[in-house]
Amino acid sequence: MPRGKPKTKTAVMTLRVAPVIKDAVELAARQDHRSVTNLIEVLILRHCEDLGIDLEKLPITESTS
């Protein structure tokens, strides 16, 4: 029987940012005891909430990778 959390599907995002932004997000993630990925995800979720975007109503797109 499998142990731990069930695997959830994830999508890959690739983006380019200025080196200073990359350094800043890495520092912020370390200070918040998060991974860079988790920090970015949390920031996006908070921003969507601030904008009134209801994630439950968004269509789910399948990752092609």
C-alpha atoms as a PDB file:
ATOM      1  CA  MET A   1       0.000   0.000   0.000  1.00  0.00           C
ATOM      2  CA  PRO A   2       1.435   3.451  -0.907  1.00  0.00           C
ATOM      3  CA  ARG A   3       2.553   5.707   1.892  1.00  0.00           C
ATOM      4  CA  GLY A   4       2.573   9.474   2.264  1.00  0.00           C
ATOM      5  CA  LYS A   5       0.584  12.076   0.407  1.00  0.00           C
ATOM      6  CA  PRO A   6      -1.050  11.132  -2.871  1.00  0.00           C
ATOM      7  CA  LYS A   7       0.710  12.613  -5.890  1.00  0.00           C
ATOM      8  CA  THR A   8      -1.012  15.569  -7.462  1.00  0.00           C
ATOM      9  CA  LYS A   9      -0.590  16.660 -11.038  1.00  0.00           C
ATOM     10  CA  THR A  10       1.545  19.724 -11.534  1.00  0.00           C
ATOM     11  CA  ALA A  11       2.289  21.906 -14.520  1.00  0.00           C
ATOM     12  CA  VAL A  12       5.693  23.231 -15.473  1.00  0.00           C
ATOM     13  CA  MET A  13       6.199  26.990 -15.860  1.00  0.00           C
ATOM     14  CA  THR A  14       9.398  28.453 -17.216  1.00  0.00           C
ATOM     15  CA  LEU A  15      10.057  32.143 -16.853  1.00  0.00           C
ATOM     16  CA  ARG A  16      12.906  34.580 -17.228  1.00  0.00           C
ATOM     17  CA  VAL A  17      13.585  37.293 -14.662  1.00  0.00           C
ATOM     18  CA  ALA A  18      16.398  39.712 -13.980  1.00  0.00           C
ATOM     19  CA  PRO A  19      19.163  38.229 -11.829  1.00  0.00           C
ATOM     20  CA  VAL A  20      18.324  40.607  -8.981  1.00  0.00           C
ATOM     21  CA  ILE A  21      14.728  39.289  -8.941  1.00  0.00           C
ATOM     22  CA  LYS A  22      15.991  35.701  -8.837  1.00  0.00           C
ATOM     23  CA  ASP A  23      18.325  36.540  -5.945  1.00  0.00           C
ATOM     24  CA  ALA A  24      15.531  38.343  -4.106  1.00  0.00           C
ATOM     25  CA  VAL A  25      13.053  35.482  -4.431  1.00  0.00           C
ATOM     26  CA  GLU A  26      15.661  32.954  -3.271  1.00  0.00           C
ATOM     27  CA  LEU A  27      16.456  35.101  -0.222  1.00  0.00           C
ATOM     28  CA  ALA A  28      12.773  35.661   0.562  1.00  0.00           C
ATOM     29  CA  ALA A  29      12.054  31.932   0.266  1.00  0.00           C
ATOM     30  CA  ARG A  30      14.927  31.055   2.607  1.00  0.00           C
ATOM     31  CA  GLN A  31      13.787  33.634   5.156  1.00  0.00           C
ATOM     32  CA  ASP A  32      10.237  32.280   4.989  1.00  0.00           C
ATOM     33  CA  HIS A  33      11.465  28.654   5.208  1.00  0.00           C
ATOM     34  CA  ARG A  34       9.880  27.820   1.845  1.00  0.00           C
ATOM     35  CA  SER A  35      11.068  26.581  -1.495  1.00  0.00           C
ATOM     36  CA  VAL A  36      11.189  29.132  -4.290  1.00  0.00           C
ATOM     37  CA  THR A  37       8.393  27.239  -6.019  1.00  0.00           C
ATOM     38  CA  ASN A  38       6.187  27.319  -2.935  1.00  0.00           C
ATOM     39  CA  LEU A  39       6.846  31.009  -2.328  1.00  0.00           C
ATOM     40  CA  ILE A  40       5.914  31.921  -5.898  1.00  0.00           C
ATOM     41  CA  GLU A  41       2.793  29.751  -5.695  1.00  0.00           C
ATOM     42  CA  VAL A  42       1.702  31.421  -2.436  1.00  0.00           C
ATOM     43  CA  LEU A  43       2.307  34.899  -3.863  1.00  0.00           C
ATOM     44  CA  ILE A  44       0.272  34.089  -6.980  1.00  0.00           C
ATOM     45  CA  LEU A  45      -2.578  32.642  -4.907  1.00  0.00           C
ATOM     46  CA  ARG A  46      -2.640  35.736  -2.673  1.00  0.00           C
ATOM     47  CA  HIS A  47      -2.643  38.044  -5.686  1.00  0.00           C
ATOM     48  CA  CYS A  48      -5.489  36.115  -7.311  1.00  0.00           C
ATOM     49  CA  GLU A  49      -7.439  36.339  -4.069  1.00  0.00           C
ATOM     50  CA  ASP A  50      -6.813  40.120  -3.932  1.00  0.00           C
ATOM     51  CA  LEU A  51      -8.140  40.398  -7.497  1.00  0.00           C
ATOM     52  CA  GLY A  52     -11.208  38.310  -6.699  1.00  0.00           C
ATOM     53  CA  ILE A  53     -10.215  35.418  -8.952  1.00  0.00           C
ATOM     54  CA  ASP A  54     -12.075  32.283  -7.854  1.00  0.00           C
ATOM     55  CA  LEU A  55      -9.740  29.357  -8.487  1.00  0.00           C
ATOM     56  CA  GLU A  56     -12.594  26.888  -8.088  1.00  0.00           C
ATOM     57  CA  LYS A  57     -14.241  28.310 -11.211  1.00  0.00           C
ATOM     58  CA  LEU A  58     -11.169  28.148 -13.457  1.00  0.00           C
ATOM     59  CA  PRO A  59     -10.950  25.350 -16.020  1.00  0.00           C
ATOM     60  CA  ILE A  60      -8.171  22.881 -15.368  1.00  0.00           C
ATOM     61  CA  THR A  61      -5.739  22.627 -18.263  1.00  0.00           C
ATOM     62  CA  GLU A  62      -3.713  19.501 -18.756  1.00  0.00           C
ATOM     63  CA  SER A  63       0.066  19.854 -18.773  1.00  0.00           C
ATOM     64  CA  THR A  64       1.725  18.852 -22.035  1.00  0.00           C
ATOM     65  CA  SER A  65       5.076  18.017 -20.490  1.00  0.00           C
END
